[in-house]
Amino acid sequence: MKDFIKVMKALSDPNRIKIIKMLQHKMMCVCEIKEALQISQPSVSKHLKILEDAGLVDFKKDGLWVNYHLTDGSKSAYVASLMGNLRHWLEEEPEIREILEKIPYIRREEVCRR
């Protein structure tokens, strides 16, 4: 039951749901997520750590970049089930749609230099 509760708690924050929805569309670094959500870098990092600990996101290092992406859920049936459903949920929510519309215009080379 611990794993189930960890996943559910990770998904209990609106910003973490927004991060999941963004990562469904593309791999992103912290500065890109920060720009999209308009929250501080430490807050983004904290949210990503909670999502990572729950098995929902993982990262790959690419030189200086740390790219976050969704996991495939292979380590947890709870993650796999929820991730499958989340792909279809909330796409039409105004807050989610607004953020997803921003993503193509966020350029890491620009926002990470600021």
N, C-alpha and C. Protein backbone atom coordinates (compact mmCIF):
# COMPACT_ATOMS: atom_id res chain seq x y z
N MET A 1 0.82 -1.20 0.00
CA MET A 1 0.00 0.00 0.00
C MET A 1 0.87 1.27 0.00
N LYS A 2 2.09 1.18 0.53
CA LYS A 2 2.98 2.35 0.59
C LYS A 2 3.22 2.95 -0.80
N ASP A 3 3.47 2.08 -1.78
CA ASP A 3 3.74 2.56 -3.14
C ASP A 3 2.53 3.28 -3.73
N PHE A 4 1.36 2.74 -3.50
CA PHE A 4 0.14 3.36 -4.00
C PHE A 4 -0.03 4.75 -3.41
N ILE A 5 0.15 4.88 -2.10
CA ILE A 5 -0.01 6.17 -1.42
C ILE A 5 1.04 7.16 -1.90
N LYS A 6 2.27 6.71 -2.12
CA LYS A 6 3.32 7.59 -2.62
C LYS A 6 2.95 8.16 -3.99
N VAL A 7 2.42 7.32 -4.86
CA VAL A 7 2.02 7.77 -6.20
C VAL A 7 0.85 8.75 -6.10
N MET A 8 -0.12 8.42 -5.28
CA MET A 8 -1.29 9.29 -5.15
C MET A 8 -0.91 10.65 -4.54
N LYS A 9 -0.03 10.65 -3.55
CA LYS A 9 0.42 11.91 -2.97
C LYS A 9 1.19 12.74 -3.99
N ALA A 10 2.00 12.07 -4.80
CA ALA A 10 2.76 12.79 -5.83
C ALA A 10 1.83 13.47 -6.82
N LEU A 11 0.69 12.88 -7.07
CA LEU A 11 -0.27 13.43 -8.03
C LEU A 11 -1.30 14.35 -7.38
N SER A 12 -1.09 14.68 -6.11
CA SER A 12 -2.09 15.49 -5.40
C SER A 12 -1.83 16.99 -5.50
N ASP A 13 -0.82 17.40 -6.22
CA ASP A 13 -0.49 18.82 -6.34
C ASP A 13 -0.73 19.29 -7.78
N PRO A 14 -1.41 20.41 -7.96
CA PRO A 14 -1.70 20.89 -9.32
C PRO A 14 -0.45 21.13 -10.17
N ASN A 15 0.62 21.64 -9.58
CA ASN A 15 1.84 21.86 -10.37
C ASN A 15 2.47 20.55 -10.82
N ARG A 16 2.38 19.52 -9.99
CA ARG A 16 2.93 18.22 -10.39
C ARG A 16 2.10 17.60 -11.51
N ILE A 17 0.80 17.79 -11.47
CA ILE A 17 -0.05 17.31 -12.58
C ILE A 17 0.33 18.06 -13.86
N LYS A 18 0.54 19.36 -13.76
CA LYS A 18 0.94 20.14 -14.94
C LYS A 18 2.28 19.66 -15.49
N ILE A 19 3.20 19.33 -14.61
CA ILE A 19 4.50 18.81 -15.06
C ILE A 19 4.30 17.49 -15.80
N ILE A 20 3.49 16.62 -15.25
CA ILE A 20 3.21 15.34 -15.92
C ILE A 20 2.62 15.59 -17.31
N LYS A 21 1.65 16.48 -17.39
CA LYS A 21 1.02 16.77 -18.68
C LYS A 21 2.03 17.34 -19.68
N MET A 22 2.93 18.20 -19.22
CA MET A 22 3.95 18.76 -20.12
C MET A 22 4.90 17.67 -20.60
N LEU A 23 5.32 16.81 -19.69
CA LEU A 23 6.27 15.76 -20.04
C LEU A 23 5.63 14.70 -20.94
N GLN A 24 4.32 14.66 -21.02
CA GLN A 24 3.67 13.78 -21.98
C GLN A 24 3.94 14.26 -23.41
N HIS A 25 4.23 15.53 -23.55
CA HIS A 25 4.41 16.12 -24.87
C HIS A 25 5.87 16.25 -25.28
N LYS A 26 6.77 16.42 -24.30
CA LYS A 26 8.19 16.49 -24.62
C LYS A 26 9.05 16.38 -23.39
N MET A 27 10.28 15.93 -23.58
CA MET A 27 11.27 15.90 -22.53
C MET A 27 11.66 17.34 -22.23
N MET A 28 11.82 17.68 -20.95
CA MET A 28 12.09 19.08 -20.60
C MET A 28 13.13 19.16 -19.48
N CYS A 29 13.85 20.29 -19.46
CA CYS A 29 14.78 20.56 -18.36
C CYS A 29 14.07 21.43 -17.32
N VAL A 30 14.70 21.59 -16.17
CA VAL A 30 14.11 22.37 -15.07
C VAL A 30 13.79 23.80 -15.51
N CYS A 31 14.70 24.43 -16.25
CA CYS A 31 14.47 25.84 -16.62
C CYS A 31 13.28 25.98 -17.57
N GLU A 32 13.04 24.98 -18.43
CA GLU A 32 11.88 25.03 -19.31
C GLU A 32 10.58 24.88 -18.52
N ILE A 33 10.59 23.97 -17.56
CA ILE A 33 9.41 23.75 -16.72
C ILE A 33 9.15 25.00 -15.88
N LYS A 34 10.21 25.58 -15.34
CA LYS A 34 10.11 26.82 -14.56
C LYS A 34 9.45 27.91 -15.39
N GLU A 35 9.88 28.06 -16.62
CA GLU A 35 9.34 29.08 -17.52
C GLU A 35 7.86 28.83 -17.80
N ALA A 36 7.51 27.59 -18.07
CA ALA A 36 6.11 27.26 -18.39
C ALA A 36 5.18 27.49 -17.22
N LEU A 37 5.62 27.11 -16.02
CA LEU A 37 4.76 27.21 -14.83
C LEU A 37 4.87 28.55 -14.12
N GLN A 38 5.92 29.30 -14.43
CA GLN A 38 6.17 30.58 -13.75
C GLN A 38 6.28 30.40 -12.24
N ILE A 39 7.09 29.40 -11.85
CA ILE A 39 7.40 29.18 -10.43
C ILE A 39 8.91 29.11 -10.30
N SER A 40 9.41 29.15 -9.09
CA SER A 40 10.86 29.19 -8.86
C SER A 40 11.54 27.86 -9.22
N GLN A 41 12.83 27.95 -9.50
CA GLN A 41 13.61 26.76 -9.81
C GLN A 41 13.63 25.77 -8.64
N PRO A 42 13.80 26.23 -7.38
CA PRO A 42 13.76 25.27 -6.27
C PRO A 42 12.40 24.55 -6.17
N SER A 43 11.32 25.26 -6.46
CA SER A 43 9.99 24.61 -6.42
C SER A 43 9.88 23.54 -7.50
N VAL A 44 10.35 23.85 -8.70
CA VAL A 44 10.31 22.87 -9.79
C VAL A 44 11.14 21.65 -9.40
N SER A 45 12.33 21.88 -8.88
CA SER A 45 13.20 20.76 -8.49
C SER A 45 12.56 19.90 -7.41
N LYS A 46 11.90 20.54 -6.46
CA LYS A 46 11.22 19.79 -5.39
C LYS A 46 10.08 18.93 -5.97
N HIS A 47 9.30 19.51 -6.86
CA HIS A 47 8.20 18.76 -7.49
C HIS A 47 8.75 17.58 -8.29
N LEU A 48 9.82 17.82 -9.04
CA LEU A 48 10.40 16.74 -9.84
C LEU A 48 10.94 15.62 -8.95
N LYS A 49 11.53 15.96 -7.83
CA LYS A 49 12.05 14.95 -6.91
C LYS A 49 10.91 14.09 -6.35
N ILE A 50 9.79 14.70 -6.01
CA ILE A 50 8.63 13.96 -5.51
C ILE A 50 8.10 13.03 -6.60
N LEU A 51 8.01 13.53 -7.83
CA LEU A 51 7.54 12.71 -8.95
C LEU A 51 8.51 11.57 -9.24
N GLU A 52 9.79 11.86 -9.13
CA GLU A 52 10.81 10.84 -9.36
C GLU A 52 10.74 9.75 -8.28
N ASP A 53 10.64 10.17 -7.02
CA ASP A 53 10.56 9.20 -5.91
C ASP A 53 9.34 8.30 -6.03
N ALA A 54 8.28 8.81 -6.63
CA ALA A 54 7.05 8.01 -6.81
C ALA A 54 7.13 7.12 -8.05
N GLY A 55 8.19 7.28 -8.84
CA GLY A 55 8.35 6.45 -10.03
C GLY A 55 7.64 6.97 -11.26
N LEU A 56 7.23 8.24 -11.23
CA LEU A 56 6.49 8.83 -12.35
C LEU A 56 7.40 9.48 -13.39
N VAL A 57 8.50 10.06 -12.96
CA VAL A 57 9.44 10.68 -13.89
C VAL A 57 10.85 10.17 -13.63
N ASP A 58 11.67 10.32 -14.64
CA ASP A 58 13.08 9.98 -14.54
C ASP A 58 13.84 11.03 -15.33
N PHE A 59 15.14 10.97 -15.32
CA PHE A 59 15.93 11.97 -16.05
C PHE A 59 17.09 11.31 -16.77
N LYS A 60 17.57 12.02 -17.77
CA LYS A 60 18.76 11.62 -18.51
C LYS A 60 19.66 12.84 -18.58
N LYS A 61 20.94 12.61 -18.35
CA LYS A 61 21.89 13.70 -18.50
C LYS A 61 22.39 13.70 -19.93
N ASP A 62 22.48 14.91 -20.48
CA ASP A 62 22.96 15.10 -21.84
C ASP A 62 23.91 16.28 -21.81
N GLY A 63 25.17 16.02 -21.54
CA GLY A 63 26.13 17.11 -21.36
C GLY A 63 25.77 17.91 -20.13
N LEU A 64 25.54 19.20 -20.32
CA LEU A 64 25.16 20.07 -19.20
C LEU A 64 23.67 20.00 -18.89
N TRP A 65 22.89 19.44 -19.80
CA TRP A 65 21.44 19.39 -19.63
C TRP A 65 21.02 18.17 -18.82
N VAL A 66 20.01 18.35 -17.99
CA VAL A 66 19.34 17.24 -17.31
C VAL A 66 17.92 17.26 -17.83
N ASN A 67 17.58 16.24 -18.61
CA ASN A 67 16.27 16.18 -19.27
C ASN A 67 15.34 15.23 -18.53
N TYR A 68 14.19 15.74 -18.15
CA TYR A 68 13.20 14.94 -17.44
C TYR A 68 12.18 14.38 -18.42
N HIS A 69 11.75 13.16 -18.16
CA HIS A 69 10.77 12.48 -19.00
C HIS A 69 9.92 11.56 -18.13
N LEU A 70 8.80 11.15 -18.67
CA LEU A 70 7.93 10.23 -17.95
C LEU A 70 8.52 8.82 -17.98
N THR A 71 8.27 8.06 -16.94
CA THR A 71 8.68 6.66 -16.95
C THR A 71 7.64 5.85 -17.71
N ASP A 72 7.98 4.62 -18.01
CA ASP A 72 7.01 3.76 -18.70
C ASP A 72 6.11 3.02 -17.71
N GLY A 73 6.36 3.19 -16.42
CA GLY A 73 5.53 2.56 -15.41
C GLY A 73 5.84 1.09 -15.20
N SER A 74 6.94 0.61 -15.76
CA SER A 74 7.26 -0.82 -15.67
C SER A 74 7.60 -1.28 -14.26
N LYS A 75 7.95 -0.35 -13.38
CA LYS A 75 8.32 -0.72 -12.01
C LYS A 75 7.14 -0.72 -11.05
N SER A 76 6.00 -0.21 -11.49
CA SER A 76 4.84 -0.11 -10.61
C SER A 76 3.55 -0.20 -11.40
N ALA A 77 2.71 -1.12 -11.02
CA ALA A 77 1.41 -1.25 -11.69
C ALA A 77 0.56 0.00 -11.46
N TYR A 78 0.73 0.64 -10.32
CA TYR A 78 -0.03 1.86 -10.02
C TYR A 78 0.39 2.99 -10.96
N VAL A 79 1.69 3.13 -11.14
CA VAL A 79 2.19 4.17 -12.05
C VAL A 79 1.72 3.88 -13.47
N ALA A 80 1.86 2.64 -13.91
CA ALA A 80 1.48 2.27 -15.27
C ALA A 80 0.00 2.57 -15.52
N SER A 81 -0.84 2.21 -14.59
CA SER A 81 -2.27 2.43 -14.75
C SER A 81 -2.62 3.91 -14.78
N LEU A 82 -2.09 4.66 -13.83
CA LEU A 82 -2.40 6.09 -13.76
C LEU A 82 -1.83 6.85 -14.95
N MET A 83 -0.62 6.50 -15.37
CA MET A 83 -0.01 7.20 -16.51
C MET A 83 -0.82 6.93 -17.78
N GLY A 84 -1.32 5.72 -17.92
CA GLY A 84 -2.15 5.41 -19.08
C GLY A 84 -3.41 6.25 -19.10
N ASN A 85 -4.02 6.43 -17.96
CA ASN A 85 -5.24 7.24 -17.88
C ASN A 85 -4.95 8.73 -17.99
N LEU A 86 -3.87 9.18 -17.37
CA LEU A 86 -3.54 10.61 -17.41
C LEU A 86 -3.28 11.11 -18.83
N ARG A 87 -2.90 10.23 -19.72
CA ARG A 87 -2.68 10.64 -21.12
C ARG A 87 -3.96 11.22 -21.72
N HIS A 88 -5.09 10.75 -21.24
CA HIS A 88 -6.38 11.16 -21.81
C HIS A 88 -7.12 12.16 -20.93
N TRP A 89 -6.75 12.23 -19.68
CA TRP A 89 -7.43 13.12 -18.74
C TRP A 89 -6.87 14.53 -18.81
N LEU A 90 -7.71 15.50 -18.55
CA LEU A 90 -7.35 16.90 -18.32
C LEU A 90 -6.86 17.68 -19.54
N GLU A 91 -6.82 17.08 -20.71
CA GLU A 91 -6.32 17.77 -21.90
C GLU A 91 -7.13 19.02 -22.22
N GLU A 92 -8.40 19.02 -21.88
CA GLU A 92 -9.26 20.17 -22.21
C GLU A 92 -9.40 21.17 -21.06
N GLU A 93 -8.74 20.92 -19.94
CA GLU A 93 -8.76 21.87 -18.83
C GLU A 93 -8.07 23.15 -19.28
N PRO A 94 -8.67 24.32 -19.06
CA PRO A 94 -8.06 25.57 -19.53
C PRO A 94 -6.62 25.79 -19.05
N GLU A 95 -6.34 25.50 -17.78
CA GLU A 95 -4.98 25.70 -17.26
C GLU A 95 -3.97 24.80 -17.98
N ILE A 96 -4.37 23.57 -18.20
CA ILE A 96 -3.48 22.61 -18.87
C ILE A 96 -3.29 23.01 -20.32
N ARG A 97 -4.37 23.34 -20.99
CA ARG A 97 -4.29 23.74 -22.40
C ARG A 97 -3.39 24.96 -22.58
N GLU A 98 -3.52 25.93 -21.68
CA GLU A 98 -2.71 27.15 -21.76
C GLU A 98 -1.21 26.82 -21.65
N ILE A 99 -0.87 25.95 -20.72
CA ILE A 99 0.53 25.57 -20.54
C ILE A 99 1.03 24.78 -21.75
N LEU A 100 0.22 23.86 -22.24
CA LEU A 100 0.64 23.05 -23.38
C LEU A 100 0.83 23.90 -24.63
N GLU A 101 0.07 24.98 -24.74
CA GLU A 101 0.23 25.88 -25.89
C GLU A 101 1.53 26.66 -25.81
N LYS A 102 2.06 26.88 -24.60
CA LYS A 102 3.32 27.61 -24.42
C LYS A 102 4.54 26.78 -24.80
N ILE A 103 4.46 25.48 -24.59
CA ILE A 103 5.63 24.61 -24.70
C ILE A 103 6.42 24.77 -26.00
N PRO A 104 5.78 24.81 -27.16
CA PRO A 104 6.58 24.91 -28.39
C PRO A 104 7.40 26.20 -28.50
N TYR A 105 7.04 27.21 -27.73
CA TYR A 105 7.72 28.51 -27.82
C TYR A 105 8.78 28.71 -26.74
N ILE A 106 8.92 27.73 -25.86
CA ILE A 106 9.93 27.83 -24.80
C ILE A 106 11.21 27.20 -25.33
N ARG A 107 12.24 28.00 -25.42
CA ARG A 107 13.54 27.55 -25.93
C ARG A 107 14.54 27.54 -24.78
N ARG A 108 15.01 26.37 -24.45
CA ARG A 108 15.92 26.22 -23.30
C ARG A 108 17.16 27.10 -23.45
N GLU A 109 17.66 27.26 -24.65
CA GLU A 109 18.85 28.07 -24.85
C GLU A 109 18.60 29.54 -24.45
N GLU A 110 17.37 29.97 -24.57
CA GLU A 110 17.01 31.35 -24.20
C GLU A 110 16.71 31.46 -22.71
N VAL A 111 15.86 30.60 -22.19
CA VAL A 111 15.43 30.74 -20.79
C VAL A 111 16.53 30.34 -19.81
N CYS A 112 17.43 29.47 -20.18
CA CYS A 112 18.47 29.03 -19.25
C CYS A 112 19.63 30.01 -19.18
N ARG A 113 19.69 30.96 -20.10
CA ARG A 113 20.75 31.97 -20.09
C ARG A 113 20.40 33.16 -19.22
N ARG A 114 19.15 33.31 -18.88
CA ARG A 114 18.70 34.50 -18.11
C ARG A 114 19.31 34.53 -16.74
